[in-house]
Amino acid sequence: MLEIVTPAATSDLTTLATAKRELGVTDTAQDARIADLIRQASDLVAQWCNRSGFGREMLRQTARLVSPVDVIVLHRDLGVTITAVTEDGVALAAADYERGGVLLYRLREGARVPWTARLVVVEYQAGFVLPDDAPPALERACLDLLAGLWHGQGRDPAVRNETTEGVGAVGYFEHRGDTLPLAPNRLAALERYRRFHL
């Protein structure tokens, strides 16, 4: 079970100033609209990466064990900092556990041993302090999407092409829920932040 103790202050992957610079906007008349587009673009990136967002949160993960396990798997994997671990209500010292990626191991005298307690509670922070600490690949994807939303206002995003010969014709993109309208190199850069669920 995962509980969000302190939610992220923001999910925005870029700042208003950076977005305006990207769009070439110098006045404040469109600030509210640009802020909305930042939120929308940030959300699209998070969805594609199979995440609820990238902002730093304080989390409490509870594991109720019916038998010993070798490892506890943390539910979040980006920017993890463990602040406390308790076994059946007793706080463990930092030397009593170690983390390897999303795997949390129990230690006794420096050796890995199974978790045998019935209740293990792990408190940790995960995510990035947004928007200033957004990784470049995430911010770049957000800005590219934002520019597309900005310049595509009033246009049907599903239209691929239009032909005006006599009656005319309209071609549409085939919609796929797992795609983003980004260049292949941008998508490749995002892959390291994508979470795959088994």
N, C-alpha and C. Protein backbone atom coordinates (compact mmCIF):
# COMPACT_ATOMS: atom_id res chain seq x y z
N MET A 1 0.84 -1.17 0.00
CA MET A 1 0.00 0.00 0.00
C MET A 1 0.89 1.24 0.00
N LEU A 2 0.54 2.20 -0.87
CA LEU A 2 1.33 3.43 -0.97
C LEU A 2 0.44 4.62 -0.65
N GLU A 3 0.92 5.43 0.29
CA GLU A 3 0.19 6.64 0.70
C GLU A 3 1.04 7.85 0.38
N ILE A 4 0.41 8.86 -0.22
CA ILE A 4 1.10 10.12 -0.48
C ILE A 4 0.94 11.00 0.76
N VAL A 5 2.01 11.19 1.48
CA VAL A 5 1.98 11.98 2.71
C VAL A 5 1.98 13.47 2.37
N THR A 6 2.87 13.87 1.48
CA THR A 6 2.95 15.26 1.02
C THR A 6 2.98 15.24 -0.50
N PRO A 7 1.93 15.72 -1.15
CA PRO A 7 1.91 15.70 -2.62
C PRO A 7 2.91 16.69 -3.22
N ALA A 8 3.18 16.50 -4.48
CA ALA A 8 4.08 17.41 -5.20
C ALA A 8 3.48 18.80 -5.26
N ALA A 9 4.34 19.80 -5.13
CA ALA A 9 3.88 21.19 -5.19
C ALA A 9 3.36 21.53 -6.58
N THR A 10 3.93 20.91 -7.61
CA THR A 10 3.50 21.14 -8.99
C THR A 10 3.89 19.94 -9.83
N SER A 11 3.20 19.76 -10.94
CA SER A 11 3.56 18.73 -11.91
C SER A 11 4.16 19.34 -13.17
N ASP A 12 4.31 20.66 -13.19
CA ASP A 12 4.81 21.36 -14.38
C ASP A 12 6.26 20.99 -14.66
N LEU A 13 6.52 20.63 -15.91
CA LEU A 13 7.88 20.24 -16.31
C LEU A 13 8.71 21.39 -16.85
N THR A 14 8.14 22.57 -16.89
CA THR A 14 8.89 23.75 -17.31
C THR A 14 8.29 24.97 -16.65
N THR A 15 8.99 26.08 -16.76
CA THR A 15 8.51 27.33 -16.15
C THR A 15 7.78 28.17 -17.20
N LEU A 16 6.99 29.10 -16.71
CA LEU A 16 6.29 30.02 -17.61
C LEU A 16 7.30 30.83 -18.42
N ALA A 17 8.36 31.28 -17.78
CA ALA A 17 9.37 32.09 -18.48
C ALA A 17 10.02 31.30 -19.61
N THR A 18 10.35 30.04 -19.36
CA THR A 18 10.97 29.21 -20.40
C THR A 18 9.99 28.95 -21.54
N ALA A 19 8.74 28.68 -21.20
CA ALA A 19 7.73 28.42 -22.22
C ALA A 19 7.51 29.65 -23.10
N LYS A 20 7.46 30.82 -22.49
CA LYS A 20 7.26 32.06 -23.26
C LYS A 20 8.45 32.32 -24.18
N ARG A 21 9.65 32.04 -23.69
CA ARG A 21 10.84 32.20 -24.52
C ARG A 21 10.78 31.24 -25.71
N GLU A 22 10.35 30.03 -25.45
CA GLU A 22 10.22 29.02 -26.51
C GLU A 22 9.22 29.44 -27.58
N LEU A 23 8.13 30.06 -27.15
CA LEU A 23 7.06 30.47 -28.06
C LEU A 23 7.29 31.85 -28.67
N GLY A 24 8.27 32.58 -28.17
CA GLY A 24 8.53 33.92 -28.66
C GLY A 24 7.51 34.93 -28.17
N VAL A 25 6.94 34.68 -27.01
CA VAL A 25 5.94 35.58 -26.43
C VAL A 25 6.63 36.50 -25.44
N THR A 26 6.42 37.81 -25.58
CA THR A 26 7.11 38.76 -24.71
C THR A 26 6.18 39.53 -23.78
N ASP A 27 4.87 39.50 -24.03
CA ASP A 27 3.95 40.21 -23.14
C ASP A 27 3.31 39.23 -22.16
N THR A 28 2.42 39.73 -21.33
CA THR A 28 1.79 38.89 -20.30
C THR A 28 0.34 38.55 -20.63
N ALA A 29 -0.14 38.98 -21.78
CA ALA A 29 -1.55 38.79 -22.12
C ALA A 29 -1.94 37.32 -22.22
N GLN A 30 -1.00 36.46 -22.60
CA GLN A 30 -1.30 35.03 -22.80
C GLN A 30 -0.77 34.14 -21.67
N ASP A 31 -0.35 34.74 -20.56
CA ASP A 31 0.26 33.95 -19.48
C ASP A 31 -0.65 32.84 -18.97
N ALA A 32 -1.92 33.14 -18.78
CA ALA A 32 -2.84 32.13 -18.24
C ALA A 32 -2.99 30.96 -19.21
N ARG A 33 -3.11 31.28 -20.49
CA ARG A 33 -3.24 30.21 -21.50
C ARG A 33 -1.98 29.37 -21.57
N ILE A 34 -0.81 30.02 -21.54
CA ILE A 34 0.44 29.27 -21.59
C ILE A 34 0.60 28.39 -20.36
N ALA A 35 0.21 28.90 -19.20
CA ALA A 35 0.28 28.08 -17.97
C ALA A 35 -0.61 26.85 -18.11
N ASP A 36 -1.80 27.00 -18.70
CA ASP A 36 -2.69 25.86 -18.93
C ASP A 36 -2.03 24.85 -19.88
N LEU A 37 -1.40 25.34 -20.92
CA LEU A 37 -0.74 24.45 -21.88
C LEU A 37 0.45 23.72 -21.25
N ILE A 38 1.16 24.39 -20.35
CA ILE A 38 2.25 23.72 -19.63
C ILE A 38 1.70 22.53 -18.85
N ARG A 39 0.59 22.75 -18.14
CA ARG A 39 -0.02 21.66 -17.37
C ARG A 39 -0.47 20.52 -18.29
N GLN A 40 -1.09 20.86 -19.41
CA GLN A 40 -1.56 19.83 -20.33
C GLN A 40 -0.40 19.04 -20.93
N ALA A 41 0.63 19.74 -21.37
CA ALA A 41 1.79 19.07 -21.97
C ALA A 41 2.52 18.21 -20.94
N SER A 42 2.65 18.71 -19.71
CA SER A 42 3.30 17.94 -18.64
C SER A 42 2.52 16.67 -18.35
N ASP A 43 1.20 16.78 -18.35
CA ASP A 43 0.34 15.62 -18.10
C ASP A 43 0.46 14.60 -19.22
N LEU A 44 0.56 15.05 -20.47
CA LEU A 44 0.72 14.13 -21.60
C LEU A 44 2.03 13.35 -21.49
N VAL A 45 3.10 14.03 -21.09
CA VAL A 45 4.39 13.35 -20.92
C VAL A 45 4.30 12.31 -19.80
N ALA A 46 3.68 12.69 -18.68
CA ALA A 46 3.54 11.75 -17.56
C ALA A 46 2.71 10.53 -17.97
N GLN A 47 1.61 10.75 -18.68
CA GLN A 47 0.77 9.63 -19.11
C GLN A 47 1.54 8.69 -20.03
N TRP A 48 2.30 9.25 -20.97
CA TRP A 48 3.06 8.41 -21.88
C TRP A 48 4.09 7.58 -21.12
N CYS A 49 4.62 8.15 -20.06
CA CYS A 49 5.62 7.45 -19.24
C CYS A 49 4.97 6.53 -18.20
N ASN A 50 3.63 6.42 -18.23
CA ASN A 50 2.88 5.57 -17.28
C ASN A 50 3.10 6.00 -15.84
N ARG A 51 3.05 7.31 -15.63
CA ARG A 51 3.23 7.86 -14.29
C ARG A 51 2.14 8.86 -13.99
N SER A 52 1.91 9.10 -12.70
CA SER A 52 0.94 10.12 -12.30
C SER A 52 1.56 11.51 -12.35
N GLY A 53 2.86 11.58 -12.43
CA GLY A 53 3.59 12.84 -12.48
C GLY A 53 5.04 12.61 -12.09
N PHE A 54 5.83 13.68 -12.14
CA PHE A 54 7.25 13.57 -11.82
C PHE A 54 7.65 14.42 -10.62
N GLY A 55 6.70 15.14 -10.02
CA GLY A 55 7.01 16.02 -8.90
C GLY A 55 7.40 15.26 -7.66
N ARG A 56 8.24 15.90 -6.83
CA ARG A 56 8.74 15.27 -5.60
C ARG A 56 7.63 15.16 -4.57
N GLU A 57 7.45 13.96 -4.04
CA GLU A 57 6.42 13.68 -3.04
C GLU A 57 7.02 12.94 -1.86
N MET A 58 6.40 13.13 -0.70
CA MET A 58 6.76 12.34 0.49
C MET A 58 5.78 11.18 0.53
N LEU A 59 6.30 9.96 0.62
CA LEU A 59 5.48 8.75 0.50
C LEU A 59 5.65 7.85 1.71
N ARG A 60 4.60 7.08 1.97
CA ARG A 60 4.66 6.04 3.01
C ARG A 60 4.17 4.74 2.38
N GLN A 61 5.08 3.78 2.28
CA GLN A 61 4.74 2.48 1.69
C GLN A 61 4.69 1.43 2.79
N THR A 62 3.59 0.72 2.85
CA THR A 62 3.39 -0.28 3.89
C THR A 62 3.36 -1.68 3.28
N ALA A 63 4.17 -2.57 3.82
CA ALA A 63 4.19 -3.97 3.37
C ALA A 63 3.74 -4.85 4.53
N ARG A 64 2.65 -5.57 4.32
CA ARG A 64 2.15 -6.53 5.31
C ARG A 64 2.58 -7.93 4.84
N LEU A 65 3.52 -8.51 5.56
CA LEU A 65 4.13 -9.76 5.12
C LEU A 65 3.51 -10.95 5.85
N VAL A 66 3.13 -11.96 5.10
CA VAL A 66 2.60 -13.19 5.70
C VAL A 66 3.68 -14.25 5.82
N SER A 67 4.80 -14.03 5.11
CA SER A 67 5.95 -14.93 5.20
C SER A 67 7.20 -14.11 4.87
N PRO A 68 8.39 -14.59 5.22
CA PRO A 68 9.61 -13.84 4.93
C PRO A 68 9.79 -13.59 3.43
N VAL A 69 10.32 -12.41 3.11
CA VAL A 69 10.64 -12.08 1.71
C VAL A 69 12.06 -11.56 1.65
N ASP A 70 12.72 -11.80 0.53
CA ASP A 70 14.12 -11.39 0.37
C ASP A 70 14.26 -9.90 0.14
N VAL A 71 13.24 -9.28 -0.45
CA VAL A 71 13.36 -7.88 -0.85
C VAL A 71 11.98 -7.22 -0.85
N ILE A 72 11.96 -5.93 -0.56
CA ILE A 72 10.74 -5.13 -0.70
C ILE A 72 10.94 -4.23 -1.91
N VAL A 73 9.95 -4.22 -2.80
CA VAL A 73 10.04 -3.42 -4.02
C VAL A 73 9.33 -2.09 -3.79
N LEU A 74 10.06 -0.99 -3.95
CA LEU A 74 9.48 0.33 -3.80
C LEU A 74 8.60 0.65 -5.00
N HIS A 75 7.49 1.34 -4.76
CA HIS A 75 6.54 1.66 -5.83
C HIS A 75 7.00 2.81 -6.71
N ARG A 76 7.89 3.64 -6.22
CA ARG A 76 8.41 4.77 -7.00
C ARG A 76 9.91 4.55 -7.22
N ASP A 77 10.41 5.07 -8.34
CA ASP A 77 11.79 4.75 -8.70
C ASP A 77 12.66 5.94 -9.09
N LEU A 78 12.12 7.16 -9.10
CA LEU A 78 12.92 8.31 -9.52
C LEU A 78 13.30 9.18 -8.33
N GLY A 79 14.57 9.50 -8.20
CA GLY A 79 15.02 10.42 -7.15
C GLY A 79 14.67 9.97 -5.75
N VAL A 80 14.81 8.69 -5.46
CA VAL A 80 14.39 8.14 -4.17
C VAL A 80 15.37 8.48 -3.06
N THR A 81 14.83 8.98 -1.93
CA THR A 81 15.60 9.19 -0.71
C THR A 81 14.79 8.62 0.45
N ILE A 82 15.31 7.58 1.08
CA ILE A 82 14.60 6.95 2.19
C ILE A 82 14.84 7.75 3.45
N THR A 83 13.75 8.05 4.17
CA THR A 83 13.86 8.84 5.40
C THR A 83 13.65 8.00 6.66
N ALA A 84 12.91 6.89 6.56
CA ALA A 84 12.67 6.05 7.73
C ALA A 84 12.16 4.68 7.30
N VAL A 85 12.57 3.66 8.05
CA VAL A 85 12.07 2.30 7.86
C VAL A 85 11.75 1.74 9.23
N THR A 86 10.56 1.18 9.41
CA THR A 86 10.20 0.55 10.68
C THR A 86 9.74 -0.88 10.44
N GLU A 87 10.07 -1.74 11.40
CA GLU A 87 9.62 -3.13 11.41
C GLU A 87 8.75 -3.33 12.63
N ASP A 88 7.50 -3.69 12.41
CA ASP A 88 6.57 -3.91 13.52
C ASP A 88 6.64 -2.76 14.53
N GLY A 89 6.73 -1.53 14.01
CA GLY A 89 6.72 -0.34 14.85
C GLY A 89 8.07 0.08 15.40
N VAL A 90 9.12 -0.69 15.15
CA VAL A 90 10.46 -0.37 15.66
C VAL A 90 11.30 0.23 14.53
N ALA A 91 11.86 1.42 14.77
CA ALA A 91 12.65 2.11 13.75
C ALA A 91 13.98 1.39 13.53
N LEU A 92 14.35 1.26 12.27
CA LEU A 92 15.63 0.65 11.93
C LEU A 92 16.68 1.74 11.71
N ALA A 93 17.92 1.43 12.04
CA ALA A 93 19.02 2.34 11.75
C ALA A 93 19.36 2.22 10.27
N ALA A 94 20.03 3.23 9.73
CA ALA A 94 20.38 3.22 8.31
C ALA A 94 21.26 2.03 7.95
N ALA A 95 22.01 1.51 8.92
CA ALA A 95 22.88 0.36 8.66
C ALA A 95 22.10 -0.96 8.60
N ASP A 96 20.79 -0.90 8.90
CA ASP A 96 19.98 -2.12 8.93
C ASP A 96 19.28 -2.41 7.61
N TYR A 97 19.48 -1.56 6.61
CA TYR A 97 18.87 -1.80 5.30
C TYR A 97 19.70 -1.10 4.23
N GLU A 98 19.53 -1.52 3.00
CA GLU A 98 20.17 -0.85 1.88
C GLU A 98 19.26 -0.92 0.67
N ARG A 99 19.40 0.10 -0.15
CA ARG A 99 18.56 0.19 -1.35
C ARG A 99 19.42 0.00 -2.58
N GLY A 100 18.90 -0.79 -3.50
CA GLY A 100 19.51 -0.96 -4.81
C GLY A 100 18.43 -0.68 -5.85
N GLY A 101 18.41 0.53 -6.39
CA GLY A 101 17.32 0.91 -7.30
C GLY A 101 16.00 0.95 -6.55
N VAL A 102 15.05 0.14 -7.01
CA VAL A 102 13.75 0.09 -6.32
C VAL A 102 13.68 -1.06 -5.32
N LEU A 103 14.79 -1.75 -5.11
CA LEU A 103 14.81 -2.89 -4.20
C LEU A 103 15.37 -2.49 -2.85
N LEU A 104 14.65 -2.85 -1.79
CA LEU A 104 15.09 -2.53 -0.43
C LEU A 104 15.41 -3.84 0.29
N TYR A 105 16.66 -3.94 0.74
CA TYR A 105 17.15 -5.16 1.39
C TYR A 105 17.29 -4.95 2.89
N ARG A 106 17.06 -6.00 3.66
CA ARG A 106 17.28 -6.00 5.12
C ARG A 106 18.70 -6.46 5.37
N LEU A 107 19.40 -5.76 6.26
CA LEU A 107 20.78 -6.11 6.60
C LEU A 107 20.89 -6.49 8.07
N ARG A 108 21.74 -7.47 8.35
CA ARG A 108 22.15 -7.77 9.72
C ARG A 108 23.65 -8.01 9.69
N GLU A 109 24.37 -7.16 10.42
CA GLU A 109 25.83 -7.22 10.47
C GLU A 109 26.42 -7.16 9.06
N GLY A 110 25.81 -6.31 8.23
CA GLY A 110 26.33 -6.09 6.89
C GLY A 110 25.92 -7.11 5.84
N ALA A 111 25.21 -8.15 6.25
CA ALA A 111 24.80 -9.18 5.29
C ALA A 111 23.30 -9.07 5.01
N ARG A 112 22.91 -9.37 3.79
CA ARG A 112 21.50 -9.35 3.43
C ARG A 112 20.79 -10.57 3.99
N VAL A 113 19.66 -10.30 4.65
CA VAL A 113 18.83 -11.36 5.22
C VAL A 113 17.38 -11.08 4.83
N PRO A 114 16.51 -12.09 4.92
CA PRO A 114 15.10 -11.85 4.57
C PRO A 114 14.42 -10.88 5.55
N TRP A 115 13.40 -10.19 5.05
CA TRP A 115 12.52 -9.41 5.91
C TRP A 115 11.58 -10.39 6.58
N THR A 116 11.58 -10.42 7.91
CA THR A 116 10.75 -11.39 8.63
C THR A 116 9.63 -10.75 9.45
N ALA A 117 9.66 -9.43 9.57
CA ALA A 117 8.60 -8.75 10.34
C ALA A 117 7.26 -8.89 9.63
N ARG A 118 6.19 -8.73 10.37
CA ARG A 118 4.86 -8.81 9.77
C ARG A 118 4.46 -7.49 9.11
N LEU A 119 5.00 -6.37 9.62
CA LEU A 119 4.64 -5.06 9.09
C LEU A 119 5.91 -4.23 8.88
N VAL A 120 6.17 -3.84 7.65
CA VAL A 120 7.32 -3.00 7.33
C VAL A 120 6.78 -1.71 6.70
N VAL A 121 7.17 -0.59 7.27
CA VAL A 121 6.74 0.71 6.75
C VAL A 121 7.98 1.48 6.30
N VAL A 122 7.95 1.92 5.04
CA VAL A 122 9.07 2.66 4.46
C VAL A 122 8.57 4.07 4.13
N GLU A 123 9.23 5.06 4.67
CA GLU A 123 8.91 6.44 4.33
C GLU A 123 10.05 6.98 3.47
N TYR A 124 9.66 7.56 2.34
CA TYR A 124 10.69 8.06 1.43
C TYR A 124 10.15 9.17 0.55
N GLN A 125 11.10 9.93 0.00
CA GLN A 125 10.77 10.95 -0.99
C GLN A 125 11.14 10.41 -2.36
N ALA A 126 10.34 10.80 -3.35
CA ALA A 126 10.64 10.38 -4.71
C ALA A 126 10.15 11.44 -5.68
N GLY A 127 10.85 11.55 -6.80
CA GLY A 127 10.49 12.54 -7.81
C GLY A 127 11.47 13.69 -7.86
N PHE A 128 11.15 14.67 -8.68
CA PHE A 128 12.02 15.82 -8.89
C PHE A 128 11.36 17.09 -8.33
N VAL A 129 12.17 18.04 -7.88
CA VAL A 129 11.66 19.33 -7.44
C VAL A 129 11.37 20.14 -8.71
N LEU A 130 10.10 20.17 -9.07
CA LEU A 130 9.69 20.81 -10.32
C LEU A 130 9.27 22.26 -10.08
N PRO A 131 9.36 23.08 -11.12
CA PRO A 131 9.85 22.75 -12.46
C PRO A 131 11.35 22.91 -12.64
N ASP A 132 12.02 23.51 -11.68
CA ASP A 132 13.43 23.87 -11.87
C ASP A 132 14.36 22.68 -12.05
N ASP A 133 14.06 21.55 -11.41
CA ASP A 133 14.95 20.40 -11.49
C ASP A 133 14.46 19.33 -12.46
N ALA A 134 13.56 19.70 -13.38
CA ALA A 134 13.09 18.74 -14.37
C ALA A 134 14.26 18.30 -15.25
N PRO A 135 14.43 17.00 -15.47
CA PRO A 135 15.49 16.54 -16.37
C PRO A 135 15.29 17.12 -17.77
N PRO A 136 16.37 17.42 -18.48
CA PRO A 136 16.26 18.05 -19.80
C PRO A 136 15.35 17.31 -20.78
N ALA A 137 15.38 15.97 -20.79
CA ALA A 137 14.55 15.22 -21.73
C ALA A 137 13.07 15.44 -21.46
N LEU A 138 12.68 15.50 -20.18
CA LEU A 138 11.28 15.72 -19.83
C LEU A 138 10.85 17.14 -20.19
N GLU A 139 11.70 18.11 -19.86
CA GLU A 139 11.35 19.50 -20.18
C GLU A 139 11.27 19.71 -21.68
N ARG A 140 12.22 19.11 -22.44
CA ARG A 140 12.21 19.29 -23.89
C ARG A 140 10.94 18.70 -24.50
N ALA A 141 10.52 17.53 -24.04
CA ALA A 141 9.29 16.92 -24.54
C ALA A 141 8.09 17.79 -24.22
N CYS A 142 8.06 18.32 -23.02
CA CYS A 142 6.97 19.21 -22.61
C CYS A 142 6.92 20.45 -23.50
N LEU A 143 8.07 21.06 -23.76
CA LEU A 143 8.11 22.26 -24.59
C LEU A 143 7.69 21.97 -26.03
N ASP A 144 8.11 20.83 -26.57
CA ASP A 144 7.72 20.47 -27.93
C ASP A 144 6.21 20.27 -28.03
N LEU A 145 5.64 19.59 -27.05
CA LEU A 145 4.19 19.38 -27.04
C LEU A 145 3.45 20.70 -26.86
N LEU A 146 3.98 21.53 -25.96
CA LEU A 146 3.37 22.83 -25.72
C LEU A 146 3.34 23.66 -27.01
N ALA A 147 4.45 23.66 -27.75
CA ALA A 147 4.50 24.42 -29.00
C ALA A 147 3.48 23.89 -30.00
N GLY A 148 3.32 22.58 -30.06
CA GLY A 148 2.32 22.00 -30.94
C GLY A 148 0.91 22.40 -30.57
N LEU A 149 0.63 22.40 -29.25
CA LEU A 149 -0.69 22.83 -28.78
C LEU A 149 -0.92 24.31 -29.08
N TRP A 150 0.12 25.12 -28.88
CA TRP A 150 0.02 26.57 -29.08
C TRP A 150 -0.26 26.90 -30.55
N HIS A 151 0.52 26.31 -31.44
CA HIS A 151 0.40 26.62 -32.86
C HIS A 151 -0.77 25.89 -33.53
N GLY A 152 -1.27 24.86 -32.87
CA GLY A 152 -2.37 24.10 -33.45
C GLY A 152 -3.73 24.50 -32.95
N GLN A 153 -3.83 25.62 -32.27
CA GLN A 153 -5.11 26.06 -31.73
C GLN A 153 -6.13 26.22 -32.86
N GLY A 154 -7.31 25.62 -32.65
CA GLY A 154 -8.38 25.73 -33.63
C GLY A 154 -8.25 24.75 -34.78
N ARG A 155 -7.21 23.91 -34.75
CA ARG A 155 -7.01 22.93 -35.83
C ARG A 155 -7.27 21.54 -35.29
N ASP A 156 -7.86 20.68 -36.08
CA ASP A 156 -8.12 19.30 -35.68
C ASP A 156 -6.80 18.54 -35.69
N PRO A 157 -6.32 18.08 -34.54
CA PRO A 157 -5.01 17.41 -34.50
C PRO A 157 -5.00 16.05 -35.19
N ALA A 158 -6.19 15.52 -35.50
CA ALA A 158 -6.26 14.22 -36.17
C ALA A 158 -6.08 14.33 -37.68
N VAL A 159 -6.18 15.55 -38.23
CA VAL A 159 -6.06 15.74 -39.68
C VAL A 159 -4.60 15.64 -40.10
N ARG A 160 -4.33 14.72 -41.04
CA ARG A 160 -2.97 14.54 -41.54
C ARG A 160 -2.72 15.41 -42.76
N ASN A 161 -3.69 15.46 -43.66
CA ASN A 161 -3.54 16.29 -44.86
C ASN A 161 -4.90 16.63 -45.44
N GLU A 162 -4.91 17.69 -46.25
CA GLU A 162 -6.12 18.09 -46.96
C GLU A 162 -5.77 18.32 -48.41
N THR A 163 -6.64 17.86 -49.30
CA THR A 163 -6.44 18.04 -50.72
C THR A 163 -7.65 18.79 -51.28
N THR A 164 -7.41 19.82 -52.08
CA THR A 164 -8.51 20.59 -52.66
C THR A 164 -8.48 20.45 -54.18
N GLU A 165 -9.02 19.37 -54.66
CA GLU A 165 -9.17 19.14 -56.09
C GLU A 165 -10.63 18.82 -56.33
N GLY A 166 -11.33 19.70 -56.91
CA GLY A 166 -12.76 19.49 -57.11
C GLY A 166 -13.48 19.53 -55.78
N VAL A 167 -13.88 18.37 -55.30
CA VAL A 167 -14.62 18.27 -54.04
C VAL A 167 -13.69 18.37 -52.85
N GLY A 168 -12.50 17.80 -52.95
CA GLY A 168 -11.54 17.85 -51.84
C GLY A 168 -11.50 16.55 -51.07
N ALA A 169 -10.48 16.36 -50.28
CA ALA A 169 -10.33 15.15 -49.46
C ALA A 169 -9.55 15.51 -48.19
N VAL A 170 -9.84 14.77 -47.14
CA VAL A 170 -9.15 14.96 -45.87
C VAL A 170 -8.62 13.61 -45.41
N GLY A 171 -7.32 13.56 -45.09
CA GLY A 171 -6.72 12.34 -44.55
C GLY A 171 -6.48 12.50 -43.05
N TYR A 172 -6.71 11.43 -42.30
CA TYR A 172 -6.59 11.48 -40.84
C TYR A 172 -5.49 10.56 -40.35
N PHE A 173 -4.84 10.99 -39.28
CA PHE A 173 -3.87 10.12 -38.61
C PHE A 173 -4.61 8.97 -37.95
N GLU A 174 -3.95 7.82 -37.92
CA GLU A 174 -4.50 6.70 -37.16
C GLU A 174 -4.12 6.93 -35.70
N HIS A 175 -5.12 7.05 -34.83
CA HIS A 175 -4.84 7.38 -33.43
C HIS A 175 -4.38 6.14 -32.67
N ARG A 176 -3.29 6.31 -31.94
CA ARG A 176 -2.82 5.27 -31.03
C ARG A 176 -2.59 5.91 -29.68
N GLY A 177 -3.16 5.30 -28.66
CA GLY A 177 -3.09 5.86 -27.32
C GLY A 177 -1.70 5.88 -26.71
N ASP A 178 -0.77 5.05 -27.27
CA ASP A 178 0.57 4.96 -26.68
C ASP A 178 1.58 5.82 -27.43
N THR A 179 1.11 6.78 -28.23
CA THR A 179 2.04 7.60 -28.98
C THR A 179 1.92 9.07 -28.58
N LEU A 180 3.00 9.79 -28.82
CA LEU A 180 3.01 11.24 -28.63
C LEU A 180 3.49 11.86 -29.94
N PRO A 181 2.96 13.03 -30.30
CA PRO A 181 3.41 13.68 -31.53
C PRO A 181 4.78 14.34 -31.35
N LEU A 182 5.79 13.49 -31.16
CA LEU A 182 7.16 13.97 -30.96
C LEU A 182 8.10 13.28 -31.92
N ALA A 183 9.22 13.92 -32.20
CA ALA A 183 10.23 13.33 -33.06
C ALA A 183 10.80 12.07 -32.41
N PRO A 184 11.24 11.10 -33.22
CA PRO A 184 11.77 9.85 -32.67
C PRO A 184 12.89 10.04 -31.64
N ASN A 185 13.78 11.03 -31.87
CA ASN A 185 14.86 11.23 -30.90
C ASN A 185 14.33 11.74 -29.56
N ARG A 186 13.24 12.52 -29.58
CA ARG A 186 12.63 12.98 -28.33
C ARG A 186 12.02 11.80 -27.57
N LEU A 187 11.31 10.93 -28.29
CA LEU A 187 10.71 9.76 -27.66
C LEU A 187 11.79 8.83 -27.11
N ALA A 188 12.88 8.68 -27.84
CA ALA A 188 13.98 7.83 -27.37
C ALA A 188 14.55 8.37 -26.08
N ALA A 189 14.65 9.71 -25.96
CA ALA A 189 15.19 10.32 -24.74
C ALA A 189 14.23 10.12 -23.57
N LEU A 190 12.93 10.02 -23.86
CA LEU A 190 11.94 9.82 -22.79
C LEU A 190 11.91 8.39 -22.26
N GLU A 191 12.40 7.44 -23.04
CA GLU A 191 12.27 6.02 -22.69
C GLU A 191 12.82 5.71 -21.30
N ARG A 192 13.89 6.38 -20.89
CA ARG A 192 14.49 6.05 -19.58
C ARG A 192 13.57 6.42 -18.42
N TYR A 193 12.56 7.27 -18.67
CA TYR A 193 11.63 7.67 -17.63
C TYR A 193 10.30 6.92 -17.72
N ARG A 194 10.19 6.04 -18.71
CA ARG A 194 8.94 5.32 -18.91
C ARG A 194 8.89 4.11 -18.00
N ARG A 195 7.75 3.93 -17.37
CA ARG A 195 7.58 2.80 -16.46
C ARG A 195 6.67 1.78 -17.11
N PHE A 196 7.14 0.54 -17.14
CA PHE A 196 6.37 -0.54 -17.73
C PHE A 196 5.80 -1.39 -16.63
N HIS A 197 4.49 -1.64 -16.72
CA HIS A 197 3.80 -2.42 -15.71
C HIS A 197 3.64 -3.85 -16.21
N LEU A 198 4.00 -4.79 -15.36
CA LEU A 198 3.89 -6.21 -15.73
C LEU A 198 2.48 -6.69 -15.47
